[in-house]
Amino acid sequence: MHIAILTFEGYNELDSLIALGVLNRVRADGWRVTLATPGPRVTSMNGVTVEGMSTLEEACAADAVIVGSGIATREVVEDPALMGVLRGLDPSRQLIGAQCSGALVLARLGLLDGIPACTDLTTRPWVVAAGVDVLDQPFYADGALATAGGCLASPYLAGWVIARLAGPAAAEEALHYVAPVGEKEEYVARAWRSISPYLPAPARV
């Protein structure tokens, strides 16, 4: 099971790396989480350089994809080469989520036609201009497509992916692990209120 987190130049560390950490709480044979980058390495908006673990082409064949956010997302959606590769994303055969400005990528790919989205406050006008209704909430999903708004909503997106691929118990366990001490039950309950309505009925607990 391969989950790829698309991570571009100028990426937001909270969006890509928190999701990476939460997703890697699943300890199952074959469970693989990677940062998928357009080149050998990318540098974040705050100067943190990471090496890519998979390619964008590999991400298009992954079981699930999270489109990360960053300060250069508008440049990404105007890059014909990058967007040409990303047109290989297909919600009919993979889960696809977007964090904050990642929603703009999904909008420009035409994947959000008729589907509302969550995004951050800075990106909101660009997503609206792309013809997508933006919700005032941290998380929303429609079938195999999900969006999250606000950096600290990234665990919700990761939890949704885990719940869909490994089950709700694995998602709750992962969220419980990363939650603040003394607030774990409260944190998990709040996260689950955001995630659970968008899971297939048998997975809602």
Protein backbone atom coordinates (compact mmCIF):
# COMPACT_ATOMS: atom_id res chain seq x y z
CA MET A 1 0.00 0.00 0.00
CA HIS A 2 1.69 3.18 -1.19
CA ILE A 3 0.64 6.62 0.05
CA ALA A 4 2.41 9.50 -1.69
CA ILE A 5 2.51 13.07 -0.39
CA LEU A 6 3.14 15.48 -3.26
CA THR A 7 5.75 17.93 -2.01
CA PHE A 8 6.86 20.81 -4.20
CA GLU A 9 9.46 23.54 -3.95
CA GLY A 10 8.40 26.00 -1.25
CA TYR A 11 6.38 23.32 0.53
CA ASN A 12 4.78 23.87 3.94
CA GLU A 13 6.51 21.61 6.46
CA LEU A 14 3.41 21.27 8.65
CA ASP A 15 1.34 20.03 5.74
CA SER A 16 3.71 17.43 4.29
CA LEU A 17 5.65 16.29 7.34
CA ILE A 18 2.83 16.03 9.88
CA ALA A 19 0.88 13.90 7.41
CA LEU A 20 4.01 11.81 6.86
CA GLY A 21 4.40 11.28 10.61
CA VAL A 22 0.77 10.37 11.25
CA LEU A 23 0.56 8.02 8.27
CA ASN A 24 3.71 6.23 9.37
CA ARG A 25 2.08 5.29 12.68
CA VAL A 26 0.53 2.39 10.75
CA ARG A 27 2.80 -0.62 11.07
CA ALA A 28 1.50 -3.00 8.46
CA ASP A 29 3.35 -5.13 5.96
CA GLY A 30 3.60 -3.32 2.65
CA TRP A 31 2.51 0.05 4.10
CA ARG A 32 4.73 2.68 2.47
CA VAL A 33 4.52 6.46 2.81
CA THR A 34 6.69 8.72 0.64
CA LEU A 35 7.30 12.35 -0.14
CA ALA A 36 6.82 12.54 -3.91
CA THR A 37 8.81 15.40 -5.40
CA PRO A 38 9.30 16.79 -8.91
CA GLY A 39 13.09 16.58 -8.56
CA PRO A 40 15.74 14.97 -6.35
CA ARG A 41 15.10 17.42 -3.49
CA VAL A 42 12.90 20.34 -2.54
CA THR A 43 13.28 23.19 -0.05
CA SER A 44 10.43 24.35 2.14
CA MET A 45 9.09 27.86 2.62
CA ASN A 46 11.26 28.02 5.75
CA GLY A 47 14.44 26.57 4.27
CA VAL A 48 14.10 22.87 5.18
CA THR A 49 15.48 20.74 2.34
CA VAL A 50 14.34 17.14 1.97
CA GLU A 51 15.16 14.47 -0.56
CA GLY A 52 12.34 13.01 -2.58
CA MET A 53 11.35 9.45 -1.74
CA SER A 54 9.32 8.85 -4.89
CA THR A 55 8.53 10.62 -8.16
CA LEU A 56 5.35 12.34 -9.28
CA GLU A 57 4.91 9.57 -11.82
CA GLU A 58 5.06 6.96 -9.05
CA ALA A 59 2.54 8.99 -7.06
CA CYS A 60 0.08 8.76 -9.92
CA ALA A 61 0.16 4.98 -9.49
CA ALA A 62 -0.08 5.06 -5.68
CA ASP A 63 -3.04 3.77 -3.69
CA ALA A 64 -3.51 7.20 -2.11
CA VAL A 65 -2.13 10.66 -2.79
CA ILE A 66 -2.06 13.79 -0.65
CA VAL A 67 -1.35 16.99 -2.53
CA GLY A 68 0.69 19.09 -0.14
CA SER A 69 0.61 22.85 0.20
CA GLY A 70 3.22 25.58 -0.10
CA ILE A 71 4.02 29.10 -1.19
CA ALA A 72 4.52 28.17 -4.85
CA THR A 73 1.27 26.33 -5.60
CA ARG A 74 0.15 28.96 -8.09
CA GLU A 75 3.40 28.40 -9.97
CA VAL A 76 2.79 24.64 -9.89
CA VAL A 77 -0.64 24.94 -11.51
CA GLU A 78 0.82 27.17 -14.24
CA ASP A 79 3.57 24.68 -15.06
CA PRO A 80 2.43 22.57 -18.06
CA ALA A 81 5.00 19.85 -17.43
CA LEU A 82 4.04 19.34 -13.80
CA MET A 83 0.33 19.49 -14.46
CA GLY A 84 0.74 17.13 -17.39
CA VAL A 85 2.14 14.50 -15.04
CA LEU A 86 -0.51 15.17 -12.39
CA ARG A 87 -3.28 14.52 -14.90
CA GLY A 88 -2.46 10.89 -14.17
CA LEU A 89 -4.20 11.22 -10.79
CA ASP A 90 -7.46 9.28 -10.91
CA PRO A 91 -10.02 9.08 -8.08
CA SER A 92 -11.61 6.04 -9.73
CA ARG A 93 -8.61 3.96 -8.65
CA GLN A 94 -6.93 5.89 -5.82
CA LEU A 95 -7.76 8.07 -2.84
CA ILE A 96 -6.83 11.69 -3.49
CA GLY A 97 -6.61 14.35 -0.78
CA ALA A 98 -5.41 17.92 -0.81
CA GLN A 99 -4.05 19.99 2.03
CA CYS A 100 -4.65 23.77 1.99
CA SER A 101 -3.42 25.15 -1.36
CA GLY A 102 -3.31 21.61 -2.71
CA ALA A 103 -7.03 22.15 -3.32
CA LEU A 104 -6.06 24.60 -6.07
CA VAL A 105 -4.19 21.79 -7.84
CA LEU A 106 -7.24 19.53 -7.70
CA ALA A 107 -9.45 22.38 -8.91
CA ARG A 108 -7.22 23.13 -11.87
CA LEU A 109 -7.11 19.42 -12.73
CA GLY A 110 -10.91 19.45 -12.89
CA LEU A 111 -11.24 16.95 -10.05
CA LEU A 112 -13.44 19.22 -7.93
CA ASP A 113 -16.13 19.90 -10.51
CA GLY A 114 -19.36 20.10 -8.52
CA ILE A 115 -17.54 19.22 -5.28
CA PRO A 116 -16.97 21.81 -2.51
CA ALA A 117 -13.58 22.00 -0.86
CA CYS A 118 -11.71 23.08 2.24
CA THR A 119 -8.57 25.19 1.99
CA ASP A 120 -6.61 27.80 3.90
CA LEU A 121 -7.66 31.44 4.08
CA THR A 122 -4.89 32.66 1.76
CA THR A 123 -5.74 30.16 -0.96
CA ARG A 124 -9.50 30.53 -0.64
CA PRO A 125 -9.95 33.30 -3.26
CA TRP A 126 -7.87 31.39 -5.83
CA VAL A 127 -9.93 28.22 -5.33
CA VAL A 128 -13.15 30.23 -5.57
CA ALA A 129 -11.84 31.84 -8.77
CA ALA A 130 -11.30 28.31 -10.12
CA GLY A 131 -15.04 27.73 -9.74
CA VAL A 132 -15.07 25.72 -6.52
CA ASP A 133 -17.25 26.44 -3.48
CA VAL A 134 -15.08 26.71 -0.36
CA LEU A 135 -16.43 25.45 2.96
CA ASP A 136 -15.81 27.05 6.35
CA GLN A 137 -14.69 23.83 7.99
CA PRO A 138 -11.43 21.88 8.41
CA PHE A 139 -12.22 18.74 6.41
CA TYR A 140 -14.56 17.50 3.70
CA ALA A 141 -14.63 14.40 1.52
CA ASP A 142 -16.75 13.18 -1.35
CA GLY A 143 -16.09 9.56 -2.22
CA ALA A 144 -12.39 9.15 -2.96
CA LEU A 145 -11.66 12.90 -2.89
CA ALA A 146 -10.89 14.87 0.27
CA THR A 147 -9.64 18.33 1.17
CA ALA A 148 -8.44 19.88 4.42
CA GLY A 149 -8.03 23.52 5.35
CA GLY A 150 -5.49 24.88 7.83
CA CYS A 151 -2.08 23.40 8.58
CA LEU A 152 -3.22 21.61 11.73
CA ALA A 153 -6.02 19.92 9.81
CA SER A 154 -3.37 17.73 8.17
CA PRO A 155 -3.85 14.97 10.80
CA TYR A 156 -7.52 14.83 9.79
CA LEU A 157 -6.55 14.21 6.18
CA ALA A 158 -4.02 11.57 7.23
CA GLY A 159 -6.59 9.99 9.53
CA TRP A 160 -9.10 9.79 6.69
CA VAL A 161 -6.55 8.04 4.47
CA ILE A 162 -5.72 5.55 7.23
CA ALA A 163 -9.39 4.90 7.97
CA ARG A 164 -10.10 4.22 4.31
CA LEU A 165 -7.08 1.97 3.74
CA ALA A 166 -6.45 0.34 7.12
CA GLY A 167 -9.70 0.82 9.03
CA PRO A 168 -11.05 3.24 11.65
CA ALA A 169 -9.28 1.53 14.56
CA ALA A 170 -5.89 2.13 12.92
CA ALA A 171 -6.84 5.77 12.28
CA GLU A 172 -7.88 6.35 15.89
CA GLU A 173 -4.69 4.69 17.14
CA ALA A 174 -2.53 6.92 14.94
CA LEU A 175 -4.34 10.09 15.99
CA HIS A 176 -4.21 9.07 19.66
CA TYR A 177 -0.45 8.61 19.41
CA VAL A 178 0.22 12.13 18.11
CA ALA A 179 -2.37 13.90 20.30
CA PRO A 180 -1.17 16.04 23.24
CA VAL A 181 -0.81 14.26 26.55
CA GLY A 182 -3.75 14.97 28.81
CA GLU A 183 -5.94 15.81 25.82
CA LYS A 184 -5.77 12.58 23.84
CA GLU A 185 -9.39 11.46 24.14
CA GLU A 186 -10.67 14.98 23.50
CA TYR A 187 -8.38 15.42 20.49
CA VAL A 188 -9.31 12.09 18.91
CA ALA A 189 -13.03 12.72 19.47
CA ARG A 190 -12.80 16.15 17.80
CA ALA A 191 -10.82 14.75 14.88
CA TRP A 192 -13.25 11.88 14.48
CA ARG A 193 -16.22 14.26 14.39
CA SER A 194 -14.62 15.88 11.35
CA ILE A 195 -13.59 12.64 9.61
CA SER A 196 -16.33 10.12 10.39
CA PRO A 197 -19.22 11.66 8.40
CA TYR A 198 -17.19 11.24 5.21
CA LEU A 199 -16.33 7.59 5.62
CA PRO A 200 -18.28 4.72 4.06
CA ALA A 201 -21.09 3.78 6.45
CA PRO A 202 -19.50 0.55 7.81
CA ALA A 203 -16.37 2.51 8.86
CA ARG A 204 -18.24 5.13 10.91
CA VAL A 205 -17.83 4.45 14.60
